[in-house]
Amino acid sequence: MLRIVKTTTPTLASHLRVAVARLARQLRHQGASEDATPSQLAALATLYHRVHLTLGELAAIERVKPPTMTRIVAGLEEKGLVRREHSSTDGRLINVVINDDGRTYHEQYQQRRDAWLARKLTDLTKDERETLGRAAEIFDRLVEG
């Protein structure tokens, strides 16, 4: 349901927060497969975009406690999506690294989410899609600055 309401900044902030959260939840649900948890998918996405991270660094980025991240990474290792390796600069440190199967898995996850959203966008008018394109640019500015 599309409704345009003149609103105050706090009301707009609340409305946007709820709408973005609902969309994000739908995208996670549509892209998810039954063999990975949301936490595993989030950690895999972080590893996809980073070269090497220690368990502590990954836990900090994902905002979970290190023991929780240890379990998440163990699950990803069992699925054959990541590996642990010694740091090339400090042999005492262990990095978590996404492997080729993990990259493929993450890319397929992205493709499923994109396909779902593309199907939803076809239900909109050209003007609505153009408005969302402008909104996406604005969202990018909000999160960058």
N, C-alpha and C. Protein backbone atom coordinates (compact mmCIF):
# COMPACT_ATOMS: atom_id res chain seq x y z
N MET A 1 0.84 -1.16 0.00
CA MET A 1 0.00 0.00 0.00
C MET A 1 0.90 1.24 0.00
N LEU A 2 0.68 2.12 -0.97
CA LEU A 2 1.48 3.34 -1.07
C LEU A 2 0.69 4.48 -0.46
N ARG A 3 1.31 5.13 0.52
CA ARG A 3 0.66 6.28 1.12
C ARG A 3 1.70 7.36 1.29
N ILE A 4 1.35 8.54 0.87
CA ILE A 4 2.26 9.67 0.99
C ILE A 4 1.71 10.57 2.09
N VAL A 5 2.52 10.78 3.09
CA VAL A 5 2.09 11.54 4.24
C VAL A 5 3.09 12.66 4.48
N LYS A 6 2.57 13.88 4.63
CA LYS A 6 3.44 14.97 5.05
C LYS A 6 3.80 14.70 6.50
N THR A 7 5.07 14.77 6.81
CA THR A 7 5.48 14.29 8.11
C THR A 7 6.63 15.10 8.66
N THR A 8 6.83 14.97 9.94
CA THR A 8 7.96 15.60 10.59
C THR A 8 9.20 14.73 10.37
N THR A 9 10.36 15.28 10.61
CA THR A 9 11.59 14.51 10.46
C THR A 9 11.61 13.28 11.37
N PRO A 10 11.24 13.40 12.66
CA PRO A 10 11.24 12.19 13.50
C PRO A 10 10.26 11.12 13.00
N THR A 11 9.09 11.54 12.51
CA THR A 11 8.12 10.58 12.00
C THR A 11 8.65 9.92 10.73
N LEU A 12 9.25 10.70 9.86
CA LEU A 12 9.85 10.15 8.64
C LEU A 12 10.96 9.16 9.00
N ALA A 13 11.78 9.52 9.96
CA ALA A 13 12.86 8.63 10.39
C ALA A 13 12.30 7.30 10.86
N SER A 14 11.26 7.33 11.64
CA SER A 14 10.64 6.11 12.15
C SER A 14 10.05 5.28 11.01
N HIS A 15 9.34 5.94 10.11
CA HIS A 15 8.73 5.24 8.97
C HIS A 15 9.80 4.59 8.10
N LEU A 16 10.86 5.32 7.79
CA LEU A 16 11.95 4.76 6.98
C LEU A 16 12.63 3.59 7.68
N ARG A 17 12.87 3.74 8.97
CA ARG A 17 13.52 2.66 9.72
C ARG A 17 12.72 1.38 9.65
N VAL A 18 11.42 1.48 9.85
CA VAL A 18 10.56 0.29 9.81
C VAL A 18 10.52 -0.30 8.40
N ALA A 19 10.36 0.55 7.40
CA ALA A 19 10.28 0.06 6.02
C ALA A 19 11.57 -0.61 5.58
N VAL A 20 12.70 0.00 5.92
CA VAL A 20 14.00 -0.58 5.54
C VAL A 20 14.23 -1.90 6.28
N ALA A 21 13.86 -1.94 7.55
CA ALA A 21 14.03 -3.18 8.33
C ALA A 21 13.16 -4.30 7.76
N ARG A 22 11.93 -3.98 7.38
CA ARG A 22 11.03 -5.00 6.80
C ARG A 22 11.58 -5.49 5.47
N LEU A 23 12.08 -4.57 4.64
CA LEU A 23 12.66 -4.97 3.36
C LEU A 23 13.89 -5.84 3.58
N ALA A 24 14.75 -5.44 4.50
CA ALA A 24 15.95 -6.23 4.79
C ALA A 24 15.59 -7.63 5.28
N ARG A 25 14.59 -7.71 6.12
CA ARG A 25 14.15 -9.02 6.63
C ARG A 25 13.62 -9.89 5.49
N GLN A 26 12.83 -9.30 4.60
CA GLN A 26 12.32 -10.05 3.44
C GLN A 26 13.46 -10.51 2.54
N LEU A 27 14.44 -9.66 2.31
CA LEU A 27 15.58 -10.03 1.46
C LEU A 27 16.37 -11.16 2.08
N ARG A 28 16.59 -11.11 3.39
CA ARG A 28 17.31 -12.20 4.07
C ARG A 28 16.54 -13.51 3.92
N HIS A 29 15.23 -13.42 4.12
CA HIS A 29 14.39 -14.62 4.03
C HIS A 29 14.38 -15.19 2.61
N GLN A 30 14.26 -14.33 1.62
CA GLN A 30 14.19 -14.78 0.23
C GLN A 30 15.51 -15.37 -0.24
N GLY A 31 16.60 -14.83 0.24
CA GLY A 31 17.91 -15.30 -0.23
C GLY A 31 18.45 -16.48 0.54
N ALA A 32 17.91 -16.70 1.72
CA ALA A 32 18.47 -17.73 2.61
C ALA A 32 18.20 -19.13 2.07
N SER A 33 19.10 -20.01 2.42
CA SER A 33 18.89 -21.42 2.14
C SER A 33 18.75 -22.12 3.49
N GLU A 34 18.28 -23.32 3.46
CA GLU A 34 18.01 -24.01 4.71
C GLU A 34 19.27 -24.49 5.42
N ASP A 35 20.40 -24.47 4.75
CA ASP A 35 21.60 -25.04 5.35
C ASP A 35 22.55 -24.00 5.96
N ALA A 36 22.10 -22.76 6.07
CA ALA A 36 22.95 -21.74 6.71
C ALA A 36 22.06 -20.83 7.56
N THR A 37 22.58 -20.45 8.71
CA THR A 37 21.85 -19.55 9.60
C THR A 37 22.06 -18.10 9.15
N PRO A 38 21.18 -17.20 9.57
CA PRO A 38 21.40 -15.78 9.26
C PRO A 38 22.77 -15.28 9.74
N SER A 39 23.20 -15.75 10.90
CA SER A 39 24.51 -15.32 11.42
C SER A 39 25.64 -15.83 10.54
N GLN A 40 25.52 -17.05 10.05
CA GLN A 40 26.54 -17.59 9.14
C GLN A 40 26.55 -16.81 7.83
N LEU A 41 25.37 -16.48 7.31
CA LEU A 41 25.30 -15.72 6.07
C LEU A 41 25.91 -14.33 6.23
N ALA A 42 25.67 -13.70 7.37
CA ALA A 42 26.23 -12.37 7.62
C ALA A 42 27.75 -12.44 7.73
N ALA A 43 28.26 -13.43 8.45
CA ALA A 43 29.72 -13.58 8.58
C ALA A 43 30.34 -13.89 7.23
N LEU A 44 29.70 -14.73 6.45
CA LEU A 44 30.22 -15.07 5.13
C LEU A 44 30.26 -13.83 4.23
N ALA A 45 29.23 -12.99 4.31
CA ALA A 45 29.21 -11.75 3.53
C ALA A 45 30.36 -10.84 3.93
N THR A 46 30.62 -10.74 5.22
CA THR A 46 31.74 -9.91 5.69
C THR A 46 33.05 -10.46 5.16
N LEU A 47 33.22 -11.77 5.23
CA LEU A 47 34.46 -12.38 4.73
C LEU A 47 34.58 -12.24 3.22
N TYR A 48 33.48 -12.22 2.54
CA TYR A 48 33.48 -12.04 1.08
C TYR A 48 34.09 -10.69 0.71
N HIS A 49 33.82 -9.69 1.53
CA HIS A 49 34.27 -8.33 1.21
C HIS A 49 35.59 -7.95 1.89
N ARG A 50 36.15 -8.82 2.69
CA ARG A 50 37.42 -8.55 3.38
C ARG A 50 38.42 -9.63 3.00
N VAL A 51 39.70 -9.31 3.07
CA VAL A 51 40.72 -10.28 2.68
C VAL A 51 40.93 -11.31 3.78
N HIS A 52 41.38 -10.88 4.92
CA HIS A 52 41.67 -11.77 6.04
C HIS A 52 41.18 -11.11 7.32
N LEU A 53 40.52 -11.87 8.15
CA LEU A 53 40.09 -11.36 9.45
C LEU A 53 40.35 -12.42 10.51
N THR A 54 40.76 -11.97 11.68
CA THR A 54 40.84 -12.90 12.80
C THR A 54 39.43 -13.14 13.32
N LEU A 55 39.27 -14.16 14.14
CA LEU A 55 37.96 -14.40 14.76
C LEU A 55 37.50 -13.18 15.56
N GLY A 56 38.44 -12.56 16.28
CA GLY A 56 38.10 -11.37 17.08
C GLY A 56 37.64 -10.22 16.22
N GLU A 57 38.34 -9.99 15.11
CA GLU A 57 37.94 -8.90 14.20
C GLU A 57 36.56 -9.18 13.61
N LEU A 58 36.35 -10.41 13.18
CA LEU A 58 35.06 -10.79 12.60
C LEU A 58 33.95 -10.65 13.64
N ALA A 59 34.22 -11.07 14.87
CA ALA A 59 33.23 -10.94 15.94
C ALA A 59 32.89 -9.47 16.19
N ALA A 60 33.90 -8.61 16.18
CA ALA A 60 33.67 -7.18 16.40
C ALA A 60 32.83 -6.57 15.27
N ILE A 61 33.13 -6.93 14.04
CA ILE A 61 32.38 -6.39 12.90
C ILE A 61 30.93 -6.85 12.96
N GLU A 62 30.73 -8.13 13.30
CA GLU A 62 29.37 -8.69 13.35
C GLU A 62 28.66 -8.41 14.67
N ARG A 63 29.40 -7.79 15.61
CA ARG A 63 28.86 -7.41 16.91
C ARG A 63 28.32 -8.60 17.71
N VAL A 64 29.15 -9.65 17.74
CA VAL A 64 28.85 -10.81 18.57
C VAL A 64 30.08 -11.10 19.44
N LYS A 65 29.90 -11.89 20.46
CA LYS A 65 31.01 -12.26 21.33
C LYS A 65 31.89 -13.29 20.62
N PRO A 66 33.21 -13.28 20.91
CA PRO A 66 34.12 -14.22 20.25
C PRO A 66 33.70 -15.69 20.33
N PRO A 67 33.18 -16.19 21.47
CA PRO A 67 32.76 -17.60 21.48
C PRO A 67 31.62 -17.88 20.47
N THR A 68 30.74 -16.90 20.32
CA THR A 68 29.66 -17.05 19.34
C THR A 68 30.23 -17.12 17.94
N MET A 69 31.21 -16.24 17.65
CA MET A 69 31.81 -16.24 16.32
C MET A 69 32.58 -17.54 16.08
N THR A 70 33.18 -18.08 17.11
CA THR A 70 33.88 -19.36 16.97
C THR A 70 32.90 -20.43 16.48
N ARG A 71 31.70 -20.47 17.06
CA ARG A 71 30.68 -21.44 16.64
C ARG A 71 30.21 -21.17 15.22
N ILE A 72 30.03 -19.90 14.88
CA ILE A 72 29.58 -19.53 13.53
C ILE A 72 30.62 -19.99 12.51
N VAL A 73 31.87 -19.68 12.76
CA VAL A 73 32.94 -20.04 11.82
C VAL A 73 33.08 -21.57 11.74
N ALA A 74 32.93 -22.25 12.87
CA ALA A 74 33.01 -23.72 12.85
C ALA A 74 31.92 -24.29 11.92
N GLY A 75 30.74 -23.71 11.98
CA GLY A 75 29.66 -24.14 11.09
C GLY A 75 29.98 -23.88 9.63
N LEU A 76 30.59 -22.73 9.35
CA LEU A 76 30.98 -22.42 7.97
C LEU A 76 32.10 -23.35 7.50
N GLU A 77 33.01 -23.70 8.41
CA GLU A 77 34.08 -24.65 8.07
C GLU A 77 33.48 -26.03 7.75
N GLU A 78 32.53 -26.47 8.56
CA GLU A 78 31.89 -27.77 8.32
C GLU A 78 31.22 -27.82 6.96
N LYS A 79 30.70 -26.68 6.51
CA LYS A 79 30.04 -26.60 5.21
C LYS A 79 31.06 -26.45 4.07
N GLY A 80 32.34 -26.28 4.44
CA GLY A 80 33.39 -26.14 3.44
C GLY A 80 33.42 -24.77 2.77
N LEU A 81 32.98 -23.73 3.49
CA LEU A 81 32.88 -22.39 2.90
C LEU A 81 34.01 -21.45 3.31
N VAL A 82 34.68 -21.76 4.42
CA VAL A 82 35.80 -20.95 4.90
C VAL A 82 36.90 -21.88 5.41
N ARG A 83 38.06 -21.29 5.60
CA ARG A 83 39.17 -22.03 6.21
C ARG A 83 39.90 -21.09 7.17
N ARG A 84 40.63 -21.68 8.08
CA ARG A 84 41.49 -20.90 8.99
C ARG A 84 42.91 -21.08 8.50
N GLU A 85 43.67 -19.99 8.55
CA GLU A 85 45.08 -20.09 8.16
C GLU A 85 45.91 -19.13 9.00
N HIS A 86 47.16 -19.48 9.17
CA HIS A 86 48.07 -18.63 9.95
C HIS A 86 48.35 -17.35 9.19
N SER A 87 48.45 -16.26 9.93
CA SER A 87 48.77 -14.96 9.34
C SER A 87 50.17 -15.00 8.75
N SER A 88 50.32 -14.37 7.60
CA SER A 88 51.64 -14.32 6.97
C SER A 88 52.57 -13.35 7.69
N THR A 89 52.01 -12.41 8.46
CA THR A 89 52.84 -11.42 9.16
C THR A 89 53.09 -11.81 10.62
N ASP A 90 52.20 -12.59 11.20
CA ASP A 90 52.36 -13.01 12.59
C ASP A 90 51.81 -14.42 12.71
N GLY A 91 52.69 -15.39 12.73
CA GLY A 91 52.31 -16.80 12.75
C GLY A 91 51.46 -17.20 13.93
N ARG A 92 51.39 -16.36 14.97
CA ARG A 92 50.54 -16.68 16.13
C ARG A 92 49.07 -16.41 15.86
N LEU A 93 48.81 -15.53 14.89
CA LEU A 93 47.43 -15.16 14.58
C LEU A 93 46.82 -16.12 13.56
N ILE A 94 45.55 -16.42 13.76
CA ILE A 94 44.81 -17.25 12.82
C ILE A 94 43.76 -16.38 12.14
N ASN A 95 43.79 -16.38 10.83
CA ASN A 95 42.80 -15.64 10.05
C ASN A 95 41.72 -16.59 9.55
N VAL A 96 40.53 -16.06 9.39
CA VAL A 96 39.44 -16.79 8.75
C VAL A 96 39.36 -16.25 7.33
N VAL A 97 39.35 -17.17 6.36
CA VAL A 97 39.38 -16.78 4.95
C VAL A 97 38.27 -17.51 4.21
N ILE A 98 37.53 -16.78 3.40
CA ILE A 98 36.52 -17.41 2.57
C ILE A 98 37.23 -18.15 1.43
N ASN A 99 36.72 -19.33 1.07
CA ASN A 99 37.33 -20.07 -0.03
C ASN A 99 36.44 -19.95 -1.28
N ASP A 100 36.83 -20.62 -2.35
CA ASP A 100 36.08 -20.50 -3.60
C ASP A 100 34.63 -20.97 -3.45
N ASP A 101 34.42 -22.07 -2.72
CA ASP A 101 33.04 -22.53 -2.50
C ASP A 101 32.25 -21.51 -1.70
N GLY A 102 32.89 -20.85 -0.74
CA GLY A 102 32.22 -19.81 0.04
C GLY A 102 31.87 -18.62 -0.82
N ARG A 103 32.77 -18.25 -1.72
CA ARG A 103 32.49 -17.13 -2.63
C ARG A 103 31.29 -17.46 -3.52
N THR A 104 31.29 -18.66 -4.07
CA THR A 104 30.18 -19.09 -4.93
C THR A 104 28.87 -19.11 -4.14
N TYR A 105 28.91 -19.64 -2.94
CA TYR A 105 27.73 -19.71 -2.08
C TYR A 105 27.17 -18.31 -1.83
N HIS A 106 28.06 -17.38 -1.47
CA HIS A 106 27.63 -16.01 -1.20
C HIS A 106 27.06 -15.36 -2.45
N GLU A 107 27.70 -15.56 -3.59
CA GLU A 107 27.21 -14.95 -4.84
C GLU A 107 25.84 -15.50 -5.21
N GLN A 108 25.60 -16.79 -4.97
CA GLN A 108 24.28 -17.36 -5.24
C GLN A 108 23.24 -16.78 -4.29
N TYR A 109 23.63 -16.56 -3.05
CA TYR A 109 22.75 -15.93 -2.07
C TYR A 109 22.37 -14.52 -2.55
N GLN A 110 23.35 -13.77 -3.01
CA GLN A 110 23.08 -12.42 -3.54
C GLN A 110 22.15 -12.49 -4.74
N GLN A 111 22.40 -13.43 -5.63
CA GLN A 111 21.57 -13.57 -6.84
C GLN A 111 20.12 -13.89 -6.49
N ARG A 112 19.90 -14.75 -5.50
CA ARG A 112 18.52 -15.07 -5.09
C ARG A 112 17.82 -13.83 -4.54
N ARG A 113 18.52 -13.04 -3.74
CA ARG A 113 17.91 -11.82 -3.20
C ARG A 113 17.63 -10.82 -4.30
N ASP A 114 18.60 -10.63 -5.20
CA ASP A 114 18.40 -9.70 -6.30
C ASP A 114 17.24 -10.11 -7.19
N ALA A 115 17.13 -11.42 -7.47
CA ALA A 115 16.04 -11.91 -8.32
C ALA A 115 14.69 -11.65 -7.67
N TRP A 116 14.58 -11.89 -6.35
CA TRP A 116 13.33 -11.64 -5.66
C TRP A 116 12.95 -10.16 -5.74
N LEU A 117 13.93 -9.29 -5.48
CA LEU A 117 13.64 -7.86 -5.49
C LEU A 117 13.32 -7.39 -6.92
N ALA A 118 14.01 -7.91 -7.91
CA ALA A 118 13.72 -7.55 -9.31
C ALA A 118 12.28 -7.92 -9.67
N ARG A 119 11.83 -9.10 -9.22
CA ARG A 119 10.44 -9.50 -9.48
C ARG A 119 9.47 -8.52 -8.83
N LYS A 120 9.77 -8.11 -7.60
CA LYS A 120 8.90 -7.16 -6.91
C LYS A 120 8.88 -5.80 -7.62
N LEU A 121 10.02 -5.39 -8.13
CA LEU A 121 10.11 -4.09 -8.80
C LEU A 121 9.30 -4.05 -10.10
N THR A 122 9.12 -5.19 -10.74
CA THR A 122 8.33 -5.21 -11.98
C THR A 122 6.87 -4.87 -11.73
N ASP A 123 6.42 -5.00 -10.49
CA ASP A 123 5.03 -4.65 -10.15
C ASP A 123 4.83 -3.14 -10.01
N LEU A 124 5.91 -2.39 -10.00
CA LEU A 124 5.84 -0.94 -9.82
C LEU A 124 5.77 -0.23 -11.16
N THR A 125 5.31 1.01 -11.12
CA THR A 125 5.31 1.83 -12.33
C THR A 125 6.72 2.32 -12.62
N LYS A 126 6.92 2.81 -13.82
CA LYS A 126 8.23 3.36 -14.19
C LYS A 126 8.60 4.51 -13.26
N ASP A 127 7.63 5.39 -12.96
CA ASP A 127 7.89 6.51 -12.06
C ASP A 127 8.28 6.03 -10.66
N GLU A 128 7.62 4.99 -10.17
CA GLU A 128 7.95 4.46 -8.85
C GLU A 128 9.37 3.87 -8.84
N ARG A 129 9.72 3.17 -9.91
CA ARG A 129 11.09 2.61 -9.99
C ARG A 129 12.13 3.73 -10.05
N GLU A 130 11.83 4.80 -10.79
CA GLU A 130 12.76 5.93 -10.84
C GLU A 130 12.87 6.60 -9.47
N THR A 131 11.77 6.71 -8.77
CA THR A 131 11.78 7.28 -7.41
C THR A 131 12.66 6.42 -6.50
N LEU A 132 12.52 5.10 -6.59
CA LEU A 132 13.36 4.21 -5.77
C LEU A 132 14.83 4.33 -6.15
N GLY A 133 15.10 4.53 -7.42
CA GLY A 133 16.49 4.74 -7.84
C GLY A 133 17.08 5.98 -7.20
N ARG A 134 16.31 7.05 -7.17
CA ARG A 134 16.77 8.28 -6.51
C ARG A 134 16.90 8.05 -5.01
N ALA A 135 15.95 7.34 -4.42
CA ALA A 135 16.01 7.05 -2.98
C ALA A 135 17.25 6.22 -2.65
N ALA A 136 17.59 5.26 -3.50
CA ALA A 136 18.78 4.44 -3.26
C ALA A 136 20.04 5.32 -3.21
N GLU A 137 20.11 6.30 -4.10
CA GLU A 137 21.25 7.23 -4.08
C GLU A 137 21.28 8.02 -2.77
N ILE A 138 20.11 8.43 -2.31
CA ILE A 138 20.03 9.17 -1.05
C ILE A 138 20.43 8.28 0.12
N PHE A 139 19.96 7.03 0.14
CA PHE A 139 20.36 6.09 1.18
C PHE A 139 21.87 5.91 1.19
N ASP A 140 22.47 5.79 0.02
CA ASP A 140 23.92 5.67 -0.05
C ASP A 140 24.60 6.87 0.61
N ARG A 141 24.09 8.07 0.36
CA ARG A 141 24.67 9.26 0.98
C ARG A 141 24.49 9.23 2.48
N LEU A 142 23.34 8.78 2.95
CA LEU A 142 23.09 8.71 4.40
C LEU A 142 24.08 7.81 5.10
N VAL A 143 24.38 6.66 4.52
CA VAL A 143 25.26 5.70 5.20
C VAL A 143 26.73 6.02 5.00
N GLU A 144 27.06 6.80 3.98
CA GLU A 144 28.46 7.17 3.75
C GLU A 144 28.90 8.31 4.64
N GLY A 145 27.99 9.18 5.01
CA GLY A 145 28.40 10.36 5.73
C GLY A 145 27.85 10.38 7.07
